[in-house]
Each structure stands twice: as structure tokens, then as C-alpha cells.
Amino acid sequence: MGRRKRKSRDEDEAIAPNPSSASFRMLGGTGTITARFMRDSGALWRDRDDAALRARLADDGYVLLRRALDPAAVRAAARCVLRALRRARPEAFARDGDASSSSSSPDDDDVLAVGARGLGLLSMPEVAQLPKVRDVLEHPSLFALADALLRPDAGAAVSAPAEAPSTV
């Protein structure tokens, strides 16, 4: 049976209940915590309701957009990043037969070792320039989302700046 696409905000709310009323206990750190389900903001994004997206960000501190980017493109970019990181820091990766490596898929051949930290990925800007990585990082929908969330007048027409008075 195929998956049905949700089209309305009401359907999203019914599937992902209001976090304030849908809490549950779970393990966290060294004890248990009370967690809440994250609200999916996909319908707001699909409807291009920028004001509602900004309100959701203000209320929840996040917006969750499932499949806002093509999952295959994201996986391809992740593989590129991991391969570049493996070349730079091979010690940070699980070795064949290592208990932390439970990978059986050829796509998952680059598995970070348990406890790998301080990998230095931010000091490798060449990784962000890899075509598959750049396709994800610079996808037009991310710029549109940033514009919708960060510019309060995102829906308003942009007016030309006033000209500076001429001096004689």
C-alpha cells in the first residue's frame, strides 16, 4: 500500500499531536527524562505560510520539515563527506570486524568509530565544495526557508532603497 501525502495543517497536527499534550518518559543521559513529540511543520512550509512558520519557530524553537530535501541526495552527500573524512582521519572510523561496525550495506561502508570526536570537518572547506555536498547545502529550498524564517517581511514586496540626496 502506498503512502498517502498529507496536504493540510490539520492532518499534520492529528498525526503529530501538540507537544504540550503528548509527553512521554524515556531514558536520557543517566536517568529518565520527559520528552515530547516534535511537531511537523511540513504543511506550513508546503502552504508557504511564512508567518505561521515563524510563529512555530518562536513557540517550539525549531521547525521540523520531513523530506524538505531529497533523501537520496542527502544520503549521497553524507557518503561524500564520510569518504573525505575517512581519507583525512582514518583512525576515526570503525574497522572491519570492529564491534561498533554493524554495517551490512555497501552504502554504509564508512562508519564512525564509537566515541569519535574532534574530527576537524569544519577545517575542511573543500568538503563543502564537493558537487553532491554542495547540491544539498546550497539547495534553493534551504535559502527560501531561511528567507521565510529569518526575514519578518518575507511575504512583503521588497522596496527599493531611497536614493541618497545629492550634494552640490
N, C-alpha and C. Protein backbone atom coordinates (compact mmCIF):
# COMPACT_ATOMS: atom_id res chain seq x y z
N MET A 1 0.84 -1.18 0.00
CA MET A 1 0.00 0.00 0.00
C MET A 1 0.89 1.24 0.00
N GLY A 2 0.64 2.20 -0.89
CA GLY A 2 1.46 3.41 -0.99
C GLY A 2 1.20 4.38 0.14
N ARG A 3 2.14 5.26 0.35
CA ARG A 3 1.98 6.27 1.40
C ARG A 3 1.14 7.41 0.88
N ARG A 4 0.23 7.88 1.70
CA ARG A 4 -0.63 9.00 1.34
C ARG A 4 0.07 10.29 1.74
N LYS A 5 0.06 11.25 0.84
CA LYS A 5 0.66 12.55 1.15
C LYS A 5 -0.33 13.36 1.97
N ARG A 6 0.19 13.98 3.03
CA ARG A 6 -0.64 14.87 3.84
C ARG A 6 -0.64 16.24 3.21
N LYS A 7 -1.82 16.85 3.17
CA LYS A 7 -1.91 18.13 2.49
C LYS A 7 -2.35 19.27 3.40
N SER A 8 -2.89 18.97 4.55
CA SER A 8 -3.39 20.06 5.36
C SER A 8 -2.69 20.12 6.70
N ARG A 9 -2.66 21.29 7.26
CA ARG A 9 -2.06 21.52 8.57
C ARG A 9 -2.81 20.71 9.63
N ASP A 10 -4.14 20.60 9.49
CA ASP A 10 -4.93 19.85 10.46
C ASP A 10 -4.53 18.39 10.48
N GLU A 11 -4.27 17.82 9.30
CA GLU A 11 -3.85 16.42 9.25
C GLU A 11 -2.49 16.26 9.92
N ASP A 12 -1.56 17.21 9.70
CA ASP A 12 -0.26 17.14 10.36
C ASP A 12 -0.43 17.16 11.87
N GLU A 13 -1.29 18.04 12.37
CA GLU A 13 -1.49 18.15 13.80
C GLU A 13 -2.10 16.88 14.37
N ALA A 14 -2.98 16.21 13.59
CA ALA A 14 -3.60 14.98 14.08
C ALA A 14 -2.57 13.85 14.16
N ILE A 15 -1.63 13.82 13.22
CA ILE A 15 -0.62 12.77 13.20
C ILE A 15 0.47 13.07 14.22
N ALA A 16 0.89 14.32 14.32
CA ALA A 16 1.91 14.73 15.27
C ALA A 16 1.24 15.63 16.29
N PRO A 17 0.71 15.07 17.39
CA PRO A 17 -0.06 15.85 18.35
C PRO A 17 0.74 17.01 18.96
N ASN A 18 0.02 17.93 19.52
CA ASN A 18 0.62 19.09 20.17
C ASN A 18 1.62 18.61 21.22
N PRO A 19 2.87 19.08 21.14
CA PRO A 19 3.89 18.61 22.09
C PRO A 19 3.52 18.82 23.55
N SER A 20 2.74 19.85 23.85
CA SER A 20 2.43 20.10 25.25
C SER A 20 1.50 19.02 25.82
N SER A 21 0.78 18.30 24.97
CA SER A 21 -0.13 17.27 25.48
C SER A 21 0.36 15.87 25.18
N ALA A 22 1.48 15.72 24.49
CA ALA A 22 1.94 14.40 24.09
C ALA A 22 3.34 14.15 24.65
N SER A 23 3.47 14.06 25.96
CA SER A 23 4.78 13.81 26.54
C SER A 23 4.89 12.35 26.95
N PHE A 24 6.10 11.89 27.07
CA PHE A 24 6.35 10.51 27.45
C PHE A 24 7.70 10.44 28.15
N ARG A 25 7.91 9.39 28.93
CA ARG A 25 9.16 9.19 29.66
C ARG A 25 10.07 8.32 28.82
N MET A 26 11.37 8.61 28.87
CA MET A 26 12.35 7.80 28.15
C MET A 26 13.70 7.93 28.83
N LEU A 27 14.61 7.01 28.49
CA LEU A 27 15.96 7.08 29.02
C LEU A 27 16.68 8.26 28.40
N GLY A 28 17.44 8.97 29.21
CA GLY A 28 18.22 10.10 28.72
C GLY A 28 19.37 10.37 29.67
N GLY A 29 20.59 10.38 29.14
CA GLY A 29 21.75 10.59 30.00
C GLY A 29 21.88 9.44 30.98
N THR A 30 21.84 9.75 32.27
CA THR A 30 22.00 8.70 33.29
C THR A 30 20.67 8.37 33.98
N GLY A 31 19.57 8.91 33.50
CA GLY A 31 18.28 8.66 34.13
C GLY A 31 17.18 8.67 33.09
N THR A 32 16.03 9.13 33.51
CA THR A 32 14.91 9.25 32.57
C THR A 32 14.54 10.72 32.42
N ILE A 33 13.98 11.03 31.28
CA ILE A 33 13.53 12.40 31.01
C ILE A 33 12.10 12.35 30.49
N THR A 34 11.43 13.46 30.54
CA THR A 34 10.13 13.58 29.91
C THR A 34 10.36 14.23 28.56
N ALA A 35 9.96 13.56 27.51
CA ALA A 35 10.15 14.06 26.15
C ALA A 35 8.78 14.36 25.53
N ARG A 36 8.81 15.10 24.46
CA ARG A 36 7.59 15.40 23.72
C ARG A 36 7.82 15.08 22.25
N PHE A 37 6.74 14.75 21.56
CA PHE A 37 6.83 14.54 20.13
C PHE A 37 7.11 15.88 19.46
N MET A 38 7.92 15.84 18.41
CA MET A 38 8.19 17.07 17.65
C MET A 38 7.03 17.29 16.68
N ARG A 39 6.61 18.54 16.55
CA ARG A 39 5.54 18.87 15.61
C ARG A 39 6.12 19.05 14.22
N ASP A 40 5.51 18.42 13.26
CA ASP A 40 5.93 18.55 11.86
C ASP A 40 5.37 19.85 11.31
N SER A 41 6.23 20.67 10.73
CA SER A 41 5.81 21.95 10.15
C SER A 41 5.71 21.87 8.64
N GLY A 42 5.69 20.66 8.10
CA GLY A 42 5.67 20.47 6.66
C GLY A 42 4.49 21.13 5.97
N ALA A 43 3.30 21.03 6.57
CA ALA A 43 2.13 21.63 5.93
C ALA A 43 2.27 23.16 5.86
N LEU A 44 2.83 23.75 6.90
CA LEU A 44 3.04 25.20 6.89
C LEU A 44 4.00 25.58 5.76
N TRP A 45 5.03 24.77 5.57
CA TRP A 45 6.02 25.03 4.53
C TRP A 45 5.41 24.83 3.14
N ARG A 46 4.67 23.72 2.97
CA ARG A 46 4.03 23.46 1.68
C ARG A 46 3.04 24.55 1.33
N ASP A 47 2.33 25.08 2.35
CA ASP A 47 1.35 26.16 2.12
C ASP A 47 2.02 27.52 1.99
N ARG A 48 3.33 27.57 2.20
CA ARG A 48 4.11 28.81 2.17
C ARG A 48 3.52 29.85 3.14
N ASP A 49 3.16 29.35 4.33
CA ASP A 49 2.62 30.22 5.37
C ASP A 49 3.78 30.69 6.25
N ASP A 50 4.51 31.69 5.74
CA ASP A 50 5.73 32.15 6.41
C ASP A 50 5.47 32.65 7.83
N ALA A 51 4.38 33.38 8.03
CA ALA A 51 4.08 33.90 9.37
C ALA A 51 3.85 32.75 10.35
N ALA A 52 3.15 31.72 9.92
CA ALA A 52 2.90 30.57 10.79
C ALA A 52 4.20 29.81 11.06
N LEU A 53 5.08 29.71 10.06
CA LEU A 53 6.39 29.06 10.28
C LEU A 53 7.20 29.83 11.31
N ARG A 54 7.21 31.17 11.20
CA ARG A 54 7.95 31.97 12.18
C ARG A 54 7.35 31.82 13.57
N ALA A 55 6.03 31.75 13.64
CA ALA A 55 5.36 31.55 14.94
C ALA A 55 5.73 30.19 15.52
N ARG A 56 5.76 29.16 14.68
CA ARG A 56 6.13 27.82 15.14
C ARG A 56 7.57 27.81 15.65
N LEU A 57 8.46 28.49 14.93
CA LEU A 57 9.85 28.58 15.36
C LEU A 57 9.95 29.30 16.70
N ALA A 58 9.18 30.37 16.86
CA ALA A 58 9.19 31.11 18.12
C ALA A 58 8.62 30.26 19.27
N ASP A 59 7.56 29.51 19.00
CA ASP A 59 6.91 28.70 20.03
C ASP A 59 7.74 27.48 20.42
N ASP A 60 8.23 26.76 19.41
CA ASP A 60 8.88 25.48 19.66
C ASP A 60 10.40 25.56 19.67
N GLY A 61 10.96 26.59 19.05
CA GLY A 61 12.42 26.69 18.96
C GLY A 61 13.00 25.90 17.80
N TYR A 62 12.16 25.33 16.97
CA TYR A 62 12.59 24.56 15.80
C TYR A 62 11.43 24.49 14.81
N VAL A 63 11.73 24.13 13.59
CA VAL A 63 10.72 23.70 12.63
C VAL A 63 11.19 22.36 12.07
N LEU A 64 10.32 21.39 12.05
CA LEU A 64 10.63 20.06 11.55
C LEU A 64 9.99 19.93 10.17
N LEU A 65 10.82 19.72 9.17
CA LEU A 65 10.34 19.59 7.80
C LEU A 65 10.82 18.26 7.25
N ARG A 66 9.96 17.28 7.27
CA ARG A 66 10.32 15.97 6.74
C ARG A 66 10.37 16.02 5.22
N ARG A 67 11.42 15.44 4.66
CA ARG A 67 11.60 15.33 3.21
C ARG A 67 11.61 16.69 2.51
N ALA A 68 12.08 17.71 3.20
CA ALA A 68 12.23 19.03 2.56
C ALA A 68 13.30 18.96 1.48
N LEU A 69 14.25 18.06 1.67
CA LEU A 69 15.30 17.79 0.68
C LEU A 69 15.16 16.34 0.24
N ASP A 70 15.62 16.05 -0.96
CA ASP A 70 15.55 14.69 -1.48
C ASP A 70 16.43 13.78 -0.62
N PRO A 71 15.83 12.76 0.01
CA PRO A 71 16.61 11.88 0.88
C PRO A 71 17.79 11.20 0.17
N ALA A 72 17.62 10.84 -1.08
CA ALA A 72 18.73 10.20 -1.82
C ALA A 72 19.89 11.18 -2.00
N ALA A 73 19.58 12.45 -2.25
CA ALA A 73 20.64 13.46 -2.40
C ALA A 73 21.35 13.68 -1.07
N VAL A 74 20.61 13.67 0.02
CA VAL A 74 21.22 13.85 1.34
C VAL A 74 22.12 12.66 1.68
N ARG A 75 21.66 11.44 1.39
CA ARG A 75 22.50 10.25 1.64
C ARG A 75 23.77 10.29 0.79
N ALA A 76 23.63 10.71 -0.48
CA ALA A 76 24.81 10.79 -1.36
C ALA A 76 25.81 11.82 -0.82
N ALA A 77 25.31 12.95 -0.35
CA ALA A 77 26.19 13.98 0.23
C ALA A 77 26.87 13.44 1.49
N ALA A 78 26.12 12.74 2.32
CA ALA A 78 26.69 12.18 3.55
C ALA A 78 27.81 11.19 3.22
N ARG A 79 27.60 10.35 2.20
CA ARG A 79 28.64 9.41 1.80
C ARG A 79 29.90 10.15 1.35
N CYS A 80 29.72 11.24 0.58
CA CYS A 80 30.88 12.03 0.13
C CYS A 80 31.64 12.61 1.32
N VAL A 81 30.92 13.14 2.30
CA VAL A 81 31.54 13.73 3.48
C VAL A 81 32.30 12.65 4.25
N LEU A 82 31.67 11.51 4.46
CA LEU A 82 32.33 10.44 5.21
C LEU A 82 33.57 9.92 4.49
N ARG A 83 33.51 9.80 3.19
CA ARG A 83 34.69 9.33 2.44
C ARG A 83 35.83 10.33 2.53
N ALA A 84 35.52 11.62 2.43
CA ALA A 84 36.56 12.64 2.56
C ALA A 84 37.14 12.62 3.97
N LEU A 85 36.27 12.45 4.95
CA LEU A 85 36.73 12.40 6.33
C LEU A 85 37.57 11.15 6.57
N ARG A 86 37.21 10.04 5.96
CA ARG A 86 37.99 8.81 6.11
C ARG A 86 39.40 9.00 5.56
N ARG A 87 39.52 9.72 4.43
CA ARG A 87 40.85 9.97 3.86
C ARG A 87 41.69 10.82 4.81
N ALA A 88 41.05 11.81 5.45
CA ALA A 88 41.78 12.72 6.34
C ALA A 88 42.01 12.12 7.72
N ARG A 89 41.07 11.36 8.23
CA ARG A 89 41.14 10.84 9.61
C ARG A 89 40.75 9.36 9.67
N PRO A 90 41.52 8.47 9.08
CA PRO A 90 41.13 7.06 9.05
C PRO A 90 40.96 6.44 10.45
N GLU A 91 41.67 6.95 11.43
CA GLU A 91 41.58 6.40 12.78
C GLU A 91 40.21 6.64 13.42
N ALA A 92 39.41 7.54 12.86
CA ALA A 92 38.10 7.86 13.42
C ALA A 92 37.01 6.90 12.96
N PHE A 93 37.38 5.93 12.12
CA PHE A 93 36.38 5.03 11.56
C PHE A 93 36.52 3.62 12.10
N ALA A 94 35.37 2.94 12.19
CA ALA A 94 35.35 1.56 12.65
C ALA A 94 36.05 0.69 11.61
N ARG A 95 36.77 -0.29 12.11
CA ARG A 95 37.46 -1.23 11.21
C ARG A 95 36.59 -2.46 11.01
N ASP A 96 36.78 -3.16 9.91
CA ASP A 96 36.04 -4.41 9.67
C ASP A 96 36.23 -5.33 10.86
N GLY A 97 35.12 -5.91 11.31
CA GLY A 97 35.19 -6.80 12.46
C GLY A 97 35.11 -6.08 13.79
N ASP A 98 35.17 -4.73 13.77
CA ASP A 98 35.05 -3.94 15.00
C ASP A 98 33.63 -4.08 15.52
N ALA A 99 33.48 -4.16 16.82
CA ALA A 99 32.15 -4.32 17.41
C ALA A 99 31.25 -3.14 17.11
N SER A 100 31.82 -1.96 16.87
CA SER A 100 30.99 -0.78 16.61
C SER A 100 30.54 -0.73 15.16
N SER A 101 31.04 -1.64 14.32
CA SER A 101 30.67 -1.66 12.92
C SER A 101 29.66 -2.76 12.68
N SER A 102 28.38 -2.40 12.59
CA SER A 102 27.33 -3.37 12.34
C SER A 102 26.76 -3.19 10.95
N SER A 103 27.53 -2.58 10.06
CA SER A 103 27.06 -2.26 8.72
C SER A 103 27.05 -3.51 7.85
N SER A 104 25.97 -3.66 7.09
CA SER A 104 25.90 -4.76 6.14
C SER A 104 25.66 -4.24 4.73
N SER A 105 25.36 -2.95 4.60
CA SER A 105 25.07 -2.36 3.30
C SER A 105 26.34 -1.76 2.71
N PRO A 106 26.55 -1.93 1.40
CA PRO A 106 27.73 -1.31 0.79
C PRO A 106 27.70 0.21 0.87
N ASP A 107 26.50 0.79 1.04
CA ASP A 107 26.40 2.25 1.16
C ASP A 107 26.85 2.73 2.53
N ASP A 108 26.94 1.82 3.49
CA ASP A 108 27.30 2.19 4.86
C ASP A 108 28.72 1.77 5.19
N ASP A 109 29.61 1.79 4.19
CA ASP A 109 30.97 1.31 4.42
C ASP A 109 31.79 2.25 5.27
N ASP A 110 31.37 3.48 5.43
CA ASP A 110 32.11 4.45 6.24
C ASP A 110 31.34 4.70 7.54
N VAL A 111 31.68 3.95 8.57
CA VAL A 111 31.00 4.05 9.86
C VAL A 111 31.99 4.62 10.86
N LEU A 112 31.61 5.73 11.50
CA LEU A 112 32.48 6.32 12.51
C LEU A 112 32.62 5.38 13.70
N ALA A 113 33.80 5.34 14.27
CA ALA A 113 34.05 4.54 15.47
C ALA A 113 33.30 5.15 16.64
N VAL A 114 32.91 4.30 17.57
CA VAL A 114 32.25 4.77 18.78
C VAL A 114 33.18 5.74 19.49
N GLY A 115 32.66 6.90 19.87
CA GLY A 115 33.45 7.88 20.60
C GLY A 115 34.30 8.79 19.73
N ALA A 116 34.17 8.70 18.41
CA ALA A 116 34.95 9.58 17.52
C ALA A 116 34.56 11.02 17.78
N ARG A 117 35.55 11.87 18.05
CA ARG A 117 35.30 13.28 18.37
C ARG A 117 36.40 14.13 17.76
N GLY A 118 36.16 15.44 17.69
CA GLY A 118 37.18 16.37 17.21
C GLY A 118 37.67 15.99 15.83
N LEU A 119 36.76 15.77 14.92
CA LEU A 119 37.12 15.25 13.60
C LEU A 119 37.71 16.30 12.67
N GLY A 120 37.50 17.57 12.96
CA GLY A 120 38.08 18.62 12.14
C GLY A 120 37.36 18.87 10.83
N LEU A 121 36.12 18.44 10.73
CA LEU A 121 35.37 18.62 9.49
C LEU A 121 35.19 20.10 9.14
N LEU A 122 35.04 20.93 10.15
CA LEU A 122 34.86 22.36 9.89
C LEU A 122 36.12 23.01 9.33
N SER A 123 37.26 22.37 9.51
CA SER A 123 38.50 22.92 8.96
C SER A 123 38.80 22.36 7.56
N MET A 124 37.79 21.71 6.96
CA MET A 124 37.96 21.15 5.61
C MET A 124 36.92 21.76 4.67
N PRO A 125 37.05 23.04 4.31
CA PRO A 125 36.05 23.66 3.45
C PRO A 125 35.95 23.00 2.07
N GLU A 126 36.99 22.29 1.66
CA GLU A 126 36.95 21.62 0.36
C GLU A 126 35.85 20.55 0.32
N VAL A 127 35.47 20.02 1.49
CA VAL A 127 34.41 19.03 1.53
C VAL A 127 33.08 19.67 1.14
N ALA A 128 32.84 20.88 1.61
CA ALA A 128 31.60 21.58 1.26
C ALA A 128 31.53 21.91 -0.22
N GLN A 129 32.66 21.91 -0.91
CA GLN A 129 32.69 22.22 -2.33
C GLN A 129 32.47 21.00 -3.21
N LEU A 130 32.42 19.80 -2.63
CA LEU A 130 32.15 18.61 -3.42
C LEU A 130 30.76 18.75 -4.04
N PRO A 131 30.61 18.42 -5.32
CA PRO A 131 29.33 18.67 -6.01
C PRO A 131 28.10 18.10 -5.30
N LYS A 132 28.15 16.87 -4.82
CA LYS A 132 26.98 16.28 -4.18
C LYS A 132 26.67 16.95 -2.84
N VAL A 133 27.71 17.38 -2.16
CA VAL A 133 27.52 18.08 -0.89
C VAL A 133 26.96 19.48 -1.16
N ARG A 134 27.53 20.13 -2.14
CA ARG A 134 27.07 21.48 -2.48
C ARG A 134 25.61 21.47 -2.96
N ASP A 135 25.23 20.42 -3.69
CA ASP A 135 23.84 20.32 -4.15
C ASP A 135 22.86 20.35 -2.98
N VAL A 136 23.26 19.77 -1.86
CA VAL A 136 22.39 19.76 -0.68
C VAL A 136 22.53 21.07 0.10
N LEU A 137 23.76 21.47 0.39
CA LEU A 137 23.98 22.66 1.21
C LEU A 137 23.47 23.94 0.57
N GLU A 138 23.48 23.98 -0.76
CA GLU A 138 23.06 25.19 -1.46
C GLU A 138 21.76 24.98 -2.23
N HIS A 139 20.95 24.06 -1.76
CA HIS A 139 19.68 23.81 -2.44
C HIS A 139 18.78 25.04 -2.30
N PRO A 140 18.13 25.44 -3.38
CA PRO A 140 17.29 26.65 -3.33
C PRO A 140 16.23 26.61 -2.23
N SER A 141 15.72 25.43 -1.89
CA SER A 141 14.69 25.38 -0.86
C SER A 141 15.23 25.78 0.51
N LEU A 142 16.53 25.54 0.76
CA LEU A 142 17.10 25.97 2.04
C LEU A 142 17.19 27.49 2.14
N PHE A 143 17.54 28.12 1.03
CA PHE A 143 17.59 29.58 1.02
C PHE A 143 16.19 30.17 1.16
N ALA A 144 15.21 29.54 0.51
CA ALA A 144 13.83 30.01 0.65
C ALA A 144 13.35 29.84 2.08
N LEU A 145 13.72 28.73 2.72
CA LEU A 145 13.33 28.51 4.11
C LEU A 145 13.98 29.54 5.03
N ALA A 146 15.26 29.79 4.83
CA ALA A 146 15.95 30.80 5.65
C ALA A 146 15.29 32.16 5.47
N ASP A 147 14.94 32.47 4.24
CA ASP A 147 14.27 33.75 3.97
C ASP A 147 12.92 33.81 4.69
N ALA A 148 12.17 32.71 4.62
CA ALA A 148 10.85 32.68 5.26
C ALA A 148 10.94 32.79 6.77
N LEU A 149 11.97 32.17 7.36
CA LEU A 149 12.08 32.16 8.82
C LEU A 149 12.76 33.40 9.40
N LEU A 150 13.71 33.94 8.68
CA LEU A 150 14.56 34.97 9.27
C LEU A 150 14.19 36.39 8.87
N ARG A 151 13.43 36.56 7.83
CA ARG A 151 13.05 37.90 7.39
C ARG A 151 11.59 38.13 7.73
N PRO A 152 11.31 38.98 8.71
CA PRO A 152 9.93 39.17 9.16
C PRO A 152 8.99 39.63 8.05
N ASP A 153 9.49 40.31 7.07
CA ASP A 153 8.63 40.79 5.99
C ASP A 153 8.79 39.93 4.74
N ALA A 154 9.05 38.63 4.93
CA ALA A 154 9.35 37.74 3.80
C ALA A 154 8.23 37.74 2.77
N GLY A 155 6.99 37.91 3.20
CA GLY A 155 5.89 37.89 2.25
C GLY A 155 5.64 39.24 1.61
N ALA A 156 6.23 40.28 2.14
CA ALA A 156 6.00 41.63 1.62
C ALA A 156 6.90 41.91 0.43
N ALA A 157 6.47 42.79 -0.41
CA ALA A 157 7.28 43.17 -1.56
C ALA A 157 8.51 43.94 -1.08
N VAL A 158 9.61 43.71 -1.73
CA VAL A 158 10.84 44.40 -1.38
C VAL A 158 10.84 45.75 -2.08
N SER A 159 11.03 46.80 -1.30
CA SER A 159 11.03 48.13 -1.90
C SER A 159 12.49 48.57 -2.14
N ALA A 160 12.64 49.39 -3.15
CA ALA A 160 13.98 49.88 -3.47
C ALA A 160 14.43 50.86 -2.39
N PRO A 161 15.72 50.85 -2.08
CA PRO A 161 16.21 51.79 -1.06
C PRO A 161 16.08 53.24 -1.57
N ALA A 162 15.85 54.12 -0.64
CA ALA A 162 15.72 55.53 -1.02
C ALA A 162 17.07 56.05 -1.53
N GLU A 163 17.01 56.90 -2.50
CA GLU A 163 18.24 57.46 -3.05
C GLU A 163 18.81 58.48 -2.09
N ALA A 164 20.12 58.52 -2.02
CA ALA A 164 20.78 59.48 -1.15
C ALA A 164 20.65 60.87 -1.78
N PRO A 165 20.44 61.88 -0.95
CA PRO A 165 20.32 63.24 -1.53
C PRO A 165 21.63 63.64 -2.19
N SER A 166 21.50 64.34 -3.29
CA SER A 166 22.72 64.79 -3.99
C SER A 166 23.28 66.02 -3.30
N THR A 167 24.57 66.13 -3.35
CA THR A 167 25.23 67.30 -2.75
C THR A 167 25.73 68.20 -3.86
N VAL A 168 25.69 69.47 -3.64
CA VAL A 168 26.13 70.44 -4.65
C VAL A 168 27.47 70.99 -4.31
